[in-house]
């Protein structure tokens, strides 16, 4: 079982010395162009980001902000809660006055009689 070389691959041989110098010069020139292009692209990107940040920083100064006015009221006075010990719970209720008892008597008389 012998193996045949694959025809899909191409094996290149080294160029002659005269062409080798020319190829090296072309490669050096291409590297230089790529470097310059990369530097220019980087400068443009940094300038664009700087411009966007500057625009964000400057825009709020052109817009007039409404003035907020606040008022502070004095704190509400706290009502004193009476001490439960000071409130008397064992006191007797005062009896009704004489005028109210007289009114009861009159009301009872009117209820028993038809015309009052």
PDB file of N, CA and C in Angstrom:
ATOM      1  N   UNK A   1       0.835  -1.158   0.000  1.00  0.00           N
ATOM      2  CA  UNK A   1       0.000   0.000   0.000  1.00  0.00           C
ATOM      3  C   UNK A   1       0.889   1.232   0.000  1.00  0.00           C
ATOM      4  N   UNK A   2       1.036   1.792  -1.113  1.00  0.00           N
ATOM      5  CA  UNK A   2       1.890   2.980  -1.236  1.00  0.00           C
ATOM      6  C   UNK A   2       1.009   4.216  -1.216  1.00  0.00           C
ATOM      7  N   UNK A   3       1.557   5.218  -0.653  1.00  0.00           N
ATOM      8  CA  UNK A   3       0.818   6.462  -0.506  1.00  0.00           C
ATOM      9  C   UNK A   3       1.225   7.417  -1.599  1.00  0.00           C
ATOM     10  N   UNK A   4       0.214   7.994  -2.260  1.00  0.00           N
ATOM     11  CA  UNK A   4       0.509   8.955  -3.323  1.00  0.00           C
ATOM     12  C   UNK A   4       0.419  10.365  -2.737  1.00  0.00           C
ATOM     13  N   UNK A   5       1.226  11.289  -3.228  1.00  0.00           N
ATOM     14  CA  UNK A   5       1.164  12.671  -2.733  1.00  0.00           C
ATOM     15  C   UNK A   5      -0.185  13.285  -3.080  1.00  0.00           C
ATOM     16  N   UNK A   6      -0.694  14.089  -2.160  1.00  0.00           N
ATOM     17  CA  UNK A   6      -1.996  14.747  -2.336  1.00  0.00           C
ATOM     18  C   UNK A   6      -1.829  15.891  -3.334  1.00  0.00           C
ATOM     19  N   UNK A   7      -2.649  15.929  -4.331  1.00  0.00           N
ATOM     20  CA  UNK A   7      -2.519  16.938  -5.387  1.00  0.00           C
ATOM     21  C   UNK A   7      -3.155  18.264  -4.998  1.00  0.00           C
ATOM     22  N   UNK A   8      -3.822  18.328  -3.844  1.00  0.00           N
ATOM     23  CA  UNK A   8      -4.459  19.590  -3.435  1.00  0.00           C
ATOM     24  C   UNK A   8      -3.456  20.570  -2.858  1.00  0.00           C
ATOM     25  N   UNK A   9      -2.335  20.126  -2.394  1.00  0.00           N
ATOM     26  CA  UNK A   9      -1.333  20.996  -1.788  1.00  0.00           C
ATOM     27  C   UNK A   9      -0.281  21.379  -2.812  1.00  0.00           C
ATOM     28  N   UNK A  10       0.125  22.650  -2.731  1.00  0.00           N
ATOM     29  CA  UNK A  10       1.171  23.139  -3.620  1.00  0.00           C
ATOM     30  C   UNK A  10       2.366  23.497  -2.765  1.00  0.00           C
ATOM     31  N   UNK A  11       3.488  22.982  -3.095  1.00  0.00           N
ATOM     32  CA  UNK A  11       4.714  23.251  -2.362  1.00  0.00           C
ATOM     33  C   UNK A  11       5.530  24.231  -3.187  1.00  0.00           C
ATOM     34  N   UNK A  12       5.777  25.403  -2.583  1.00  0.00           N
ATOM     35  CA  UNK A  12       6.505  26.446  -3.307  1.00  0.00           C
ATOM     36  C   UNK A  12       7.988  26.332  -3.002  1.00  0.00           C
ATOM     37  N   UNK A  13       8.740  26.710  -3.966  1.00  0.00           N
ATOM     38  CA  UNK A  13      10.187  26.735  -3.775  1.00  0.00           C
ATOM     39  C   UNK A  13      10.610  28.171  -3.508  1.00  0.00           C
ATOM     40  N   UNK A  14      11.748  28.365  -2.870  1.00  0.00           N
ATOM     41  CA  UNK A  14      12.259  29.699  -2.562  1.00  0.00           C
ATOM     42  C   UNK A  14      12.550  30.442  -3.854  1.00  0.00           C
ATOM     43  N   UNK A  15      12.201  31.751  -3.906  1.00  0.00           N
ATOM     44  CA  UNK A  15      12.466  32.520  -5.124  1.00  0.00           C
ATOM     45  C   UNK A  15      13.966  32.753  -5.281  1.00  0.00           C
ATOM     46  N   UNK A  16      14.359  33.127  -6.458  1.00  0.00           N
ATOM     47  CA  UNK A  16      15.777  33.429  -6.677  1.00  0.00           C
ATOM     48  C   UNK A  16      16.174  34.675  -5.873  1.00  0.00           C
ATOM     49  N   UNK A  17      17.456  34.831  -5.582  1.00  0.00           N
ATOM     50  CA  UNK A  17      17.914  35.943  -4.734  1.00  0.00           C
ATOM     51  C   UNK A  17      17.518  37.326  -5.264  1.00  0.00           C
ATOM     52  N   UNK A  18      17.449  37.545  -6.540  1.00  0.00           N
ATOM     53  CA  UNK A  18      17.101  38.853  -7.093  1.00  0.00           C
ATOM     54  C   UNK A  18      15.643  39.196  -6.739  1.00  0.00           C
ATOM     55  N   UNK A  19      14.781  38.228  -6.861  1.00  0.00           N
ATOM     56  CA  UNK A  19      13.378  38.458  -6.533  1.00  0.00           C
ATOM     57  C   UNK A  19      13.159  38.520  -5.018  1.00  0.00           C
ATOM     58  N   UNK A  20      14.023  37.860  -4.268  1.00  0.00           N
ATOM     59  CA  UNK A  20      13.891  37.842  -2.815  1.00  0.00           C
ATOM     60  C   UNK A  20      14.046  39.245  -2.241  1.00  0.00           C
ATOM     61  N   UNK A  21      15.017  40.013  -2.746  1.00  0.00           N
ATOM     62  CA  UNK A  21      15.202  41.384  -2.262  1.00  0.00           C
ATOM     63  C   UNK A  21      13.991  42.246  -2.600  1.00  0.00           C
ATOM     64  N   UNK A  22      13.456  42.065  -3.800  1.00  0.00           N
ATOM     65  CA  UNK A  22      12.282  42.834  -4.220  1.00  0.00           C
ATOM     66  C   UNK A  22      11.070  42.490  -3.340  1.00  0.00           C
ATOM     67  N   UNK A  23      10.891  41.216  -3.020  1.00  0.00           N
ATOM     68  CA  UNK A  23       9.783  40.799  -2.167  1.00  0.00           C
ATOM     69  C   UNK A  23       9.927  41.361  -0.748  1.00  0.00           C
ATOM     70  N   UNK A  24      11.134  41.372  -0.226  1.00  0.00           N
ATOM     71  CA  UNK A  24      11.368  41.925   1.110  1.00  0.00           C
ATOM     72  C   UNK A  24      11.048  43.410   1.152  1.00  0.00           C
ATOM     73  N   UNK A  25      11.386  44.142   0.096  1.00  0.00           N
ATOM     74  CA  UNK A  25      11.075  45.576   0.023  1.00  0.00           C
ATOM     75  C   UNK A  25       9.556  45.792  -0.028  1.00  0.00           C
ATOM     76  N   UNK A  26       8.868  44.950  -0.795  1.00  0.00           N
ATOM     77  CA  UNK A  26       7.410  45.067  -0.892  1.00  0.00           C
ATOM     78  C   UNK A  26       6.740  44.781   0.460  1.00  0.00           C
ATOM     79  N   UNK A  27       7.237  43.759   1.148  1.00  0.00           N
ATOM     80  CA  UNK A  27       6.684  43.411   2.451  1.00  0.00           C
ATOM     81  C   UNK A  27       6.943  44.541   3.460  1.00  0.00           C
ATOM     82  N   UNK A  28       8.134  45.131   3.458  1.00  0.00           N
ATOM     83  CA  UNK A  28       8.461  46.239   4.359  1.00  0.00           C
ATOM     84  C   UNK A  28       7.562  47.442   4.076  1.00  0.00           C
ATOM     85  N   UNK A  29       7.342  47.740   2.788  1.00  0.00           N
ATOM     86  CA  UNK A  29       6.485  48.863   2.416  1.00  0.00           C
ATOM     87  C   UNK A  29       5.030  48.602   2.864  1.00  0.00           C
ATOM     88  N   UNK A  30       4.574  47.362   2.707  1.00  0.00           N
ATOM     89  CA  UNK A  30       3.216  47.010   3.126  1.00  0.00           C
ATOM     90  C   UNK A  30       3.060  47.144   4.644  1.00  0.00           C
ATOM     91  N   UNK A  31       4.079  46.726   5.408  1.00  0.00           N
ATOM     92  CA  UNK A  31       4.031  46.858   6.865  1.00  0.00           C
ATOM     93  C   UNK A  31       3.955  48.323   7.270  1.00  0.00           C
ATOM     94  N   UNK A  32       4.728  49.153   6.603  1.00  0.00           N
ATOM     95  CA  UNK A  32       4.731  50.583   6.907  1.00  0.00           C
ATOM     96  C   UNK A  32       3.352  51.185   6.624  1.00  0.00           C
ATOM     97  N   UNK A  33       2.754  50.809   5.494  1.00  0.00           N
ATOM     98  CA  UNK A  33       1.427  51.324   5.155  1.00  0.00           C
ATOM     99  C   UNK A  33       0.377  50.857   6.173  1.00  0.00           C
ATOM    100  N   UNK A  34       0.472  49.608   6.585  1.00  0.00           N
ATOM    101  CA  UNK A  34      -0.463  49.080   7.571  1.00  0.00           C
ATOM    102  C   UNK A  34      -0.314  49.791   8.919  1.00  0.00           C
ATOM    103  N   UNK A  35       0.924  50.069   9.304  1.00  0.00           N
ATOM    104  CA  UNK A  35       1.160  50.771  10.575  1.00  0.00           C
ATOM    105  C   UNK A  35       0.563  52.172  10.538  1.00  0.00           C
ATOM    106  N   UNK A  36       0.806  52.887   9.455  1.00  0.00           N
ATOM    107  CA  UNK A  36       0.265  54.248   9.327  1.00  0.00           C
ATOM    108  C   UNK A  36      -1.260  54.211   9.328  1.00  0.00           C
ATOM    109  N   UNK A  37      -1.832  53.249   8.629  1.00  0.00           N
ATOM    110  CA  UNK A  37      -3.286  53.132   8.573  1.00  0.00           C
ATOM    111  C   UNK A  37      -3.859  52.825   9.961  1.00  0.00           C
ATOM    112  N   UNK A  38      -3.210  51.974  10.720  1.00  0.00           N
ATOM    113  CA  UNK A  38      -3.671  51.642  12.067  1.00  0.00           C
ATOM    114  C   UNK A  38      -3.612  52.865  12.988  1.00  0.00           C
ATOM    115  N   UNK A  39      -2.530  53.632  12.873  1.00  0.00           N
ATOM    116  CA  UNK A  39      -2.380  54.829  13.711  1.00  0.00           C
ATOM    117  C   UNK A  39      -3.457  55.854  13.371  1.00  0.00           C
ATOM    118  N   UNK A  40      -3.707  56.065  12.092  1.00  0.00           N
ATOM    119  CA  UNK A  40      -4.732  57.031  11.671  1.00  0.00           C
ATOM    120  C   UNK A  40      -6.112  56.581  12.151  1.00  0.00           C
ATOM    121  N   UNK A  41      -6.405  55.305  12.021  1.00  0.00           N
ATOM    122  CA  UNK A  41      -7.697  54.785  12.482  1.00  0.00           C
ATOM    123  C   UNK A  41      -7.853  54.974  13.993  1.00  0.00           C
ATOM    124  N   UNK A  42      -6.809  54.698  14.743  1.00  0.00           N
ATOM    125  CA  UNK A  42      -6.863  54.858  16.196  1.00  0.00           C
ATOM    126  C   UNK A  42      -7.088  56.317  16.578  1.00  0.00           C
ATOM    127  N   UNK A  43      -6.418  57.235  15.897  1.00  0.00           N
ATOM    128  CA  UNK A  43      -6.588  58.660  16.192  1.00  0.00           C
ATOM    129  C   UNK A  43      -8.028  59.092  15.890  1.00  0.00           C
ATOM    130  N   UNK A  44      -8.588  58.627  14.787  1.00  0.00           N
ATOM    131  CA  UNK A  44      -9.965  58.989  14.425  1.00  0.00           C
ATOM    132  C   UNK A  44     -10.954  58.457  15.469  1.00  0.00           C
ATOM    133  N   UNK A  45     -10.764  57.220  15.918  1.00  0.00           N
ATOM    134  CA  UNK A  45     -11.666  56.640  16.913  1.00  0.00           C
ATOM    135  C   UNK A  45     -11.574  57.401  18.236  1.00  0.00           C
ATOM    136  N   UNK A  46     -10.364  57.723  18.670  1.00  0.00           N
ATOM    137  CA  UNK A  46     -10.195  58.462  19.921  1.00  0.00           C
ATOM    138  C   UNK A  46     -10.819  59.852  19.800  1.00  0.00           C
ATOM    139  N   UNK A  47     -10.653  60.507  18.643  1.00  0.00           N
ATOM    140  CA  UNK A  47     -11.241  61.833  18.439  1.00  0.00           C
ATOM    141  C   UNK A  47     -12.771  61.762  18.473  1.00  0.00           C
ATOM    142  N   UNK A  48     -13.346  60.732  17.891  1.00  0.00           N
ATOM    143  CA  UNK A  48     -14.804  60.596  17.899  1.00  0.00           C
ATOM    144  C   UNK A  48     -15.328  60.365  19.323  1.00  0.00           C
ATOM    145  N   UNK A  49     -14.654  59.523  20.080  1.00  0.00           N
ATOM    146  CA  UNK A  49     -15.072  59.283  21.464  1.00  0.00           C
ATOM    147  C   UNK A  49     -14.941  60.562  22.287  1.00  0.00           C
ATOM    148  N   UNK A  50     -13.852  61.297  22.089  1.00  0.00           N
ATOM    149  CA  UNK A  50     -13.674  62.576  22.791  1.00  0.00           C
ATOM    150  C   UNK A  50     -14.761  63.574  22.427  1.00  0.00           C
ATOM    151  N   UNK A  51     -15.140  63.625  21.145  1.00  0.00           N
ATOM    152  CA  UNK A  51     -16.195  64.551  20.711  1.00  0.00           C
ATOM    153  C   UNK A  51     -17.532  64.184  21.339  1.00  0.00           C
ATOM    154  N   UNK A  52     -17.833  62.900  21.415  1.00  0.00           N
ATOM    155  CA  UNK A  52     -19.095  62.474  22.023  1.00  0.00           C
ATOM    156  C   UNK A  52     -19.118  62.814  23.513  1.00  0.00           C
ATOM    157  N   UNK A  53     -18.026  62.568  24.205  1.00  0.00           N
ATOM    158  CA  UNK A  53     -17.967  62.891  25.636  1.00  0.00           C
ATOM    159  C   UNK A  53     -18.052  64.396  25.874  1.00  0.00           C
ATOM    160  N   UNK A  54     -17.407  65.185  25.012  1.00  0.00           N
ATOM    161  CA  UNK A  54     -17.486  66.638  25.137  1.00  0.00           C
ATOM    162  C   UNK A  54     -18.916  67.124  24.906  1.00  0.00           C
ATOM    163  N   UNK A  55     -19.586  66.538  23.944  1.00  0.00           N
ATOM    164  CA  UNK A  55     -20.975  66.905  23.662  1.00  0.00           C
ATOM    165  C   UNK A  55     -21.865  66.574  24.859  1.00  0.00           C
ATOM    166  N   UNK A  56     -21.638  65.436  25.464  1.00  0.00           N
ATOM    167  CA  UNK A  56     -22.419  65.055  26.644  1.00  0.00           C
ATOM    168  C   UNK A  56     -22.146  66.025  27.793  1.00  0.00           C
ATOM    169  N   UNK A  57     -20.920  66.472  27.927  1.00  0.00           N
ATOM    170  CA  UNK A  57     -20.571  67.382  29.020  1.00  0.00           C
ATOM    171  C   UNK A  57     -21.101  68.792  28.780  1.00  0.00           C
ATOM    172  N   UNK A  58     -21.202  69.226  27.529  1.00  0.00           N
ATOM    173  CA  UNK A  58     -21.584  70.605  27.216  1.00  0.00           C
ATOM    174  C   UNK A  58     -23.098  70.780  27.130  1.00  0.00           C
ATOM    175  N   UNK A  59     -23.829  69.786  26.675  1.00  0.00           N
ATOM    176  CA  UNK A  59     -25.270  69.937  26.466  1.00  0.00           C
ATOM    177  C   UNK A  59     -26.050  70.376  27.707  1.00  0.00           C
ATOM    178  N   UNK A  60     -25.788  69.855  28.889  1.00  0.00           N
ATOM    179  CA  UNK A  60     -26.578  70.308  30.047  1.00  0.00           C
ATOM    180  C   UNK A  60     -26.409  71.795  30.353  1.00  0.00           C
ATOM    181  N   UNK A  61     -25.316  72.414  29.979  1.00  0.00           N
ATOM    182  CA  UNK A  61     -25.124  73.829  30.288  1.00  0.00           C
ATOM    183  C   UNK A  61     -25.990  74.717  29.400  1.00  0.00           C
ATOM    184  N   UNK A  62     -26.469  74.231  28.247  1.00  0.00           N
ATOM    185  CA  UNK A  62     -27.324  75.025  27.372  1.00  0.00           C
ATOM    186  C   UNK A  62     -28.789  74.952  27.797  1.00  0.00           C
ATOM    187  N   UNK A  63     -29.135  73.990  28.569  1.00  0.00           N
ATOM    188  CA  UNK A  63     -30.518  73.818  28.987  1.00  0.00           C
ATOM    189  C   UNK A  63     -30.706  74.495  30.336  1.00  0.00           C
ATOM    190  N   UNK A  64     -31.758  75.315  30.458  1.00  0.00           N
ATOM    191  CA  UNK A  64     -32.003  76.010  31.712  1.00  0.00           C
ATOM    192  C   UNK A  64     -32.796  75.109  32.640  1.00  0.00           C
ATOM    193  N   UNK A  65     -32.276  74.896  33.795  1.00  0.00           N
ATOM    194  CA  UNK A  65     -32.943  74.021  34.757  1.00  0.00           C
ATOM    195  C   UNK A  65     -33.918  74.839  35.585  1.00  0.00           C
ATOM    196  N   UNK A  66     -35.072  74.256  35.871  1.00  0.00           N
ATOM    197  CA  UNK A  66     -36.057  74.928  36.708  1.00  0.00           C
ATOM    198  C   UNK A  66     -35.531  75.021  38.131  1.00  0.00           C
ATOM    199  N   UNK A  67     -35.852  76.143  38.758  1.00  0.00           N
ATOM    200  CA  UNK A  67     -35.422  76.343  40.128  1.00  0.00           C
ATOM    201  C   UNK A  67     -36.411  75.661  41.055  1.00  0.00           C
ATOM    202  N   UNK A  68     -35.900  74.865  41.922  1.00  0.00           N
ATOM    203  CA  UNK A  68     -36.748  74.170  42.877  1.00  0.00           C
ATOM    204  C   UNK A  68     -36.823  74.992  44.159  1.00  0.00           C
ATOM    205  N   UNK A  69     -38.031  75.338  44.569  1.00  0.00           N
ATOM    206  CA  UNK A  69     -38.231  76.104  45.787  1.00  0.00           C
ATOM    207  C   UNK A  69     -38.851  75.174  46.811  1.00  0.00           C
ATOM    208  N   UNK A  70     -38.240  75.110  47.936  1.00  0.00           N
ATOM    209  CA  UNK A  70     -38.780  74.258  48.994  1.00  0.00           C
ATOM    210  C   UNK A  70     -38.989  75.093  50.247  1.00  0.00           C
ATOM    211  N   UNK A  71     -39.992  74.756  50.980  1.00  0.00           N
ATOM    212  CA  UNK A  71     -40.292  75.425  52.233  1.00  0.00           C
ATOM    213  C   UNK A  71     -40.243  74.387  53.336  1.00  0.00           C
ATOM    214  N   UNK A  72     -39.771  74.846  54.471  1.00  0.00           N
ATOM    215  CA  UNK A  72     -39.709  73.923  55.592  1.00  0.00           C
ATOM    216  C   UNK A  72     -40.569  74.484  56.716  1.00  0.00           C
ATOM    217  N   UNK A  73     -41.608  73.773  57.041  1.00  0.00           N
ATOM    218  CA  UNK A  73     -42.500  74.186  58.116  1.00  0.00           C
ATOM    219  C   UNK A  73     -41.871  73.796  59.447  1.00  0.00           C
ATOM    220  N   UNK A  74     -42.254  74.541  60.487  1.00  0.00           N
ATOM    221  CA  UNK A  74     -41.722  74.135  61.794  1.00  0.00           C
ATOM    222  C   UNK A  74     -42.281  72.772  62.166  1.00  0.00           C
ATOM    223  N   UNK A  75     -41.536  72.010  62.903  1.00  0.00           N
ATOM    224  CA  UNK A  75     -42.023  70.671  63.262  1.00  0.00           C
ATOM    225  C   UNK A  75     -43.297  70.775  64.090  1.00  0.00           C
ATOM    226  N   UNK A  76     -44.231  69.869  63.884  1.00  0.00           N
ATOM    227  CA  UNK A  76     -45.487  69.927  64.653  1.00  0.00           C
ATOM    228  C   UNK A  76     -45.214  69.712  66.141  1.00  0.00           C
ATOM    229  N   UNK A  77     -45.963  70.487  66.929  1.00  0.00           N
ATOM    230  CA  UNK A  77     -45.785  70.354  68.377  1.00  0.00           C
ATOM    231  C   UNK A  77     -46.399  69.040  68.841  1.00  0.00           C
ATOM    232  N   UNK A  78     -45.686  68.362  69.652  1.00  0.00           N
ATOM    233  CA  UNK A  78     -46.181  67.088  70.148  1.00  0.00           C
ATOM    234  C   UNK A  78     -47.104  67.341  71.328  1.00  0.00           C
ATOM    235  N   UNK A  79     -48.279  66.752  71.255  1.00  0.00           N
ATOM    236  CA  UNK A  79     -49.213  66.903  72.364  1.00  0.00           C
ATOM    237  C   UNK A  79     -48.746  66.029  73.516  1.00  0.00           C
ATOM    238  N   UNK A  80     -48.886  66.591  74.680  1.00  0.00           N
ATOM    239  CA  UNK A  80     -48.456  65.846  75.851  1.00  0.00           C
ATOM    240  C   UNK A  80     -49.501  64.799  76.189  1.00  0.00           C
ATOM    241  N   UNK A  81     -49.093  63.593  76.228  1.00  0.00           N
ATOM    242  CA  UNK A  81     -49.997  62.508  76.600  1.00  0.00           C
ATOM    243  C   UNK A  81     -50.012  62.436  78.119  1.00  0.00           C
ATOM    244  N   UNK A  82     -51.205  62.517  78.704  1.00  0.00           N
ATOM    245  CA  UNK A  82     -51.240  62.485  80.179  1.00  0.00           C
ATOM    246  C   UNK A  82     -50.748  61.152  80.719  1.00  0.00           C
ATOM    247  N   UNK A  83     -50.113  61.262  81.829  1.00  0.00           N
ATOM    248  CA  UNK A  83     -49.587  60.071  82.487  1.00  0.00           C
ATOM    249  C   UNK A  83     -50.758  59.275  83.055  1.00  0.00           C
ATOM    250  N   UNK A  84     -50.837  57.977  82.768  1.00  0.00           N
ATOM    251  CA  UNK A  84     -51.983  57.187  83.264  1.00  0.00           C
ATOM    252  C   UNK A  84     -52.098  57.206  84.786  1.00  0.00           C
ATOM    253  N   UNK A  85     -51.012  57.438  85.481  1.00  0.00           N
ATOM    254  CA  UNK A  85     -51.078  57.478  86.939  1.00  0.00           C
ATOM    255  C   UNK A  85     -51.785  58.740  87.430  1.00  0.00           C
ATOM    256  N   UNK A  86     -51.749  59.816  86.616  1.00  0.00           N
ATOM    257  CA  UNK A  86     -52.370  61.070  87.021  1.00  0.00           C
ATOM    258  C   UNK A  86     -53.874  61.064  86.759  1.00  0.00           C
ATOM    259  N   UNK A  87     -54.336  60.194  85.872  1.00  0.00           N
ATOM    260  CA  UNK A  87     -55.765  60.113  85.587  1.00  0.00           C
ATOM    261  C   UNK A  87     -56.414  59.293  86.693  1.00  0.00           C
ATOM    262  N   UNK A  88     -57.436  59.877  87.331  1.00  0.00           N
ATOM    263  CA  UNK A  88     -58.088  59.161  88.436  1.00  0.00           C
ATOM    264  C   UNK A  88     -59.154  58.235  87.878  1.00  0.00           C
ATOM    265  N   UNK A  89     -59.097  57.007  88.268  1.00  0.00           N
ATOM    266  CA  UNK A  89     -60.083  56.033  87.797  1.00  0.00           C
ATOM    267  C   UNK A  89     -61.075  55.685  88.898  1.00  0.00           C
ATOM    268  N   UNK A  90     -60.773  55.997  90.096  1.00  0.00           N
ATOM    269  CA  UNK A  90     -61.647  55.615  91.212  1.00  0.00           C
ATOM    270  C   UNK A  90     -62.561  56.738  91.652  1.00  0.00           C
ATOM    271  N   UNK A  91     -62.672  57.815  90.922  1.00  0.00           N
ATOM    272  CA  UNK A  91     -63.511  58.944  91.338  1.00  0.00           C
ATOM    273  C   UNK A  91     -64.985  58.664  91.134  1.00  0.00           C
ATOM    274  N   UNK A  92     -65.823  59.267  91.974  1.00  0.00           N
ATOM    275  CA  UNK A  92     -67.265  59.099  91.862  1.00  0.00           C
ATOM    276  C   UNK A  92     -67.810  60.106  90.847  1.00  0.00           C
ATOM    277  N   UNK A  93     -68.817  59.684  90.082  1.00  0.00           N
ATOM    278  CA  UNK A  93     -69.426  60.651  89.177  1.00  0.00           C
ATOM    279  C   UNK A  93     -70.285  61.636  89.967  1.00  0.00           C
ATOM    280  N   UNK A  94     -70.282  62.864  89.489  1.00  0.00           N
ATOM    281  CA  UNK A  94     -71.069  63.883  90.170  1.00  0.00           C
ATOM    282  C   UNK A  94     -72.535  63.701  89.795  1.00  0.00           C
ATOM    283  N   UNK A  95     -73.439  63.900  90.737  1.00  0.00           N
ATOM    284  CA  UNK A  95     -74.860  63.761  90.437  1.00  0.00           C
ATOM    285  C   UNK A  95     -75.337  64.907  89.541  1.00  0.00           C
ATOM    286  N   UNK A  96     -76.410  64.664  88.839  1.00  0.00           N
ATOM    287  CA  UNK A  96     -76.963  65.676  87.952  1.00  0.00           C
ATOM    288  C   UNK A  96     -77.486  66.843  88.771  1.00  0.00           C
ATOM    289  N   UNK A  97     -77.523  67.996  88.131  1.00  0.00           N
ATOM    290  CA  UNK A  97     -77.973  69.204  88.822  1.00  0.00           C
ATOM    291  C   UNK A  97     -79.472  69.166  89.090  1.00  0.00           C
ATOM    292  N   UNK A  98     -79.967  70.120  89.886  1.00  0.00           N
ATOM    293  CA  UNK A  98     -81.368  70.195  90.282  1.00  0.00           C
ATOM    294  C   UNK A  98     -82.268  70.494  89.085  1.00  0.00           C
ATOM    295  N   UNK A  99     -81.801  71.266  88.151  1.00  0.00           N
ATOM    296  CA  UNK A  99     -82.635  71.632  87.006  1.00  0.00           C
ATOM    297  C   UNK A  99     -82.938  70.417  86.145  1.00  0.00           C
ATOM    298  N   UNK A 100     -82.001  69.481  86.003  1.00  0.00           N
ATOM    299  CA  UNK A 100     -82.257  68.310  85.180  1.00  0.00           C
ATOM    300  C   UNK A 100     -83.236  67.359  85.873  1.00  0.00           C
ATOM    301  N   UNK A 101     -83.177  67.292  87.197  1.00  0.00           N
ATOM    302  CA  UNK A 101     -84.126  66.429  87.889  1.00  0.00           C
ATOM    303  C   UNK A 101     -85.527  67.021  87.814  1.00  0.00           C
ATOM    304  N   UNK A 102     -85.626  68.330  87.806  1.00  0.00           N
ATOM    305  CA  UNK A 102     -86.910  68.995  87.676  1.00  0.00           C
ATOM    306  C   UNK A 102     -87.492  68.728  86.296  1.00  0.00           C
ATOM    307  N   UNK A 103     -86.666  68.699  85.309  1.00  0.00           N
ATOM    308  CA  UNK A 103     -87.128  68.441  83.949  1.00  0.00           C
ATOM    309  C   UNK A 103     -87.651  67.032  83.824  1.00  0.00           C
ATOM    310  N   UNK A 104     -87.055  66.111  84.521  1.00  0.00           N
ATOM    311  CA  UNK A 104     -87.526  64.726  84.485  1.00  0.00           C
ATOM    312  C   UNK A 104     -88.936  64.613  85.085  1.00  0.00           C
ATOM    313  N   UNK A 105     -89.151  65.334  86.145  1.00  0.00           N
ATOM    314  CA  UNK A 105     -90.457  65.293  86.808  1.00  0.00           C
ATOM    315  C   UNK A 105     -91.525  65.835  85.877  1.00  0.00           C
ATOM    316  N   UNK A 106     -91.232  66.935  85.189  1.00  0.00           N
ATOM    317  CA  UNK A 106     -92.183  67.544  84.269  1.00  0.00           C
ATOM    318  C   UNK A 106     -92.445  66.595  83.114  1.00  0.00           C
ATOM    319  N   UNK A 107     -91.422  65.950  82.624  1.00  0.00           N
ATOM    320  CA  UNK A 107     -91.576  65.028  81.490  1.00  0.00           C
ATOM    321  C   UNK A 107     -92.432  63.831  81.893  1.00  0.00           C
ATOM    322  N   UNK A 108     -92.281  63.338  83.090  1.00  0.00           N
ATOM    323  CA  UNK A 108     -93.071  62.220  83.541  1.00  0.00           C
ATOM    324  C   UNK A 108     -94.538  62.607  83.689  1.00  0.00           C
ATOM    325  N   UNK A 109     -94.775  63.824  84.191  1.00  0.00           N
ATOM    326  CA  UNK A 109     -96.147  64.290  84.318  1.00  0.00           C
ATOM    327  C   UNK A 109     -96.817  64.416  82.973  1.00  0.00           C
ATOM    328  N   UNK A 110     -96.035  64.889  81.965  1.00  0.00           N
ATOM    329  CA  UNK A 110     -96.595  65.053  80.618  1.00  0.00           C
ATOM    330  C   UNK A 110     -96.879  63.711  79.987  1.00  0.00           C
ATOM    331  N   UNK A 111     -96.118  62.727  80.289  1.00  0.00           N
ATOM    332  CA  UNK A 111     -96.342  61.407  79.702  1.00  0.00           C
ATOM    333  C   UNK A 111     -97.595  60.750  80.271  1.00  0.00           C
ATOM    334  N   UNK A 112     -97.849  61.014  81.549  1.00  0.00           N
ATOM    335  CA  UNK A 112     -99.011  60.407  82.147  1.00  0.00           C
ATOM    336  C   UNK A 112    -100.296  61.139  81.787  1.00  0.00           C
ATOM    337  N   UNK A 113    -100.224  62.424  81.573  1.00  0.00           N
ATOM    338  CA  UNK A 113    -101.410  63.189  81.189  1.00  0.00           C
ATOM    339  C   UNK A 113    -101.445  63.306  79.672  1.00  0.00           C
ATOM    340  N   UNK A 114    -102.580  63.461  79.129  1.00  0.00           N
ATOM    341  CA  UNK A 114    -102.738  63.535  77.680  1.00  0.00           C
ATOM    342  C   UNK A 114    -102.341  64.896  77.146  1.00  0.00           C
ATOM    343  N   UNK A 115    -102.667  65.992  77.804  1.00  0.00           N
ATOM    344  CA  UNK A 115    -102.349  67.303  77.239  1.00  0.00           C
ATOM    345  C   UNK A 115    -101.393  68.009  78.186  1.00  0.00           C
ATOM    346  N   UNK A 116    -100.284  68.305  77.694  1.00  0.00           N
ATOM    347  CA  UNK A 116     -99.278  68.935  78.497  1.00  0.00           C
ATOM    348  C   UNK A 116     -98.785  70.195  77.826  1.00  0.00           C
TER     349      UNK A 116
END
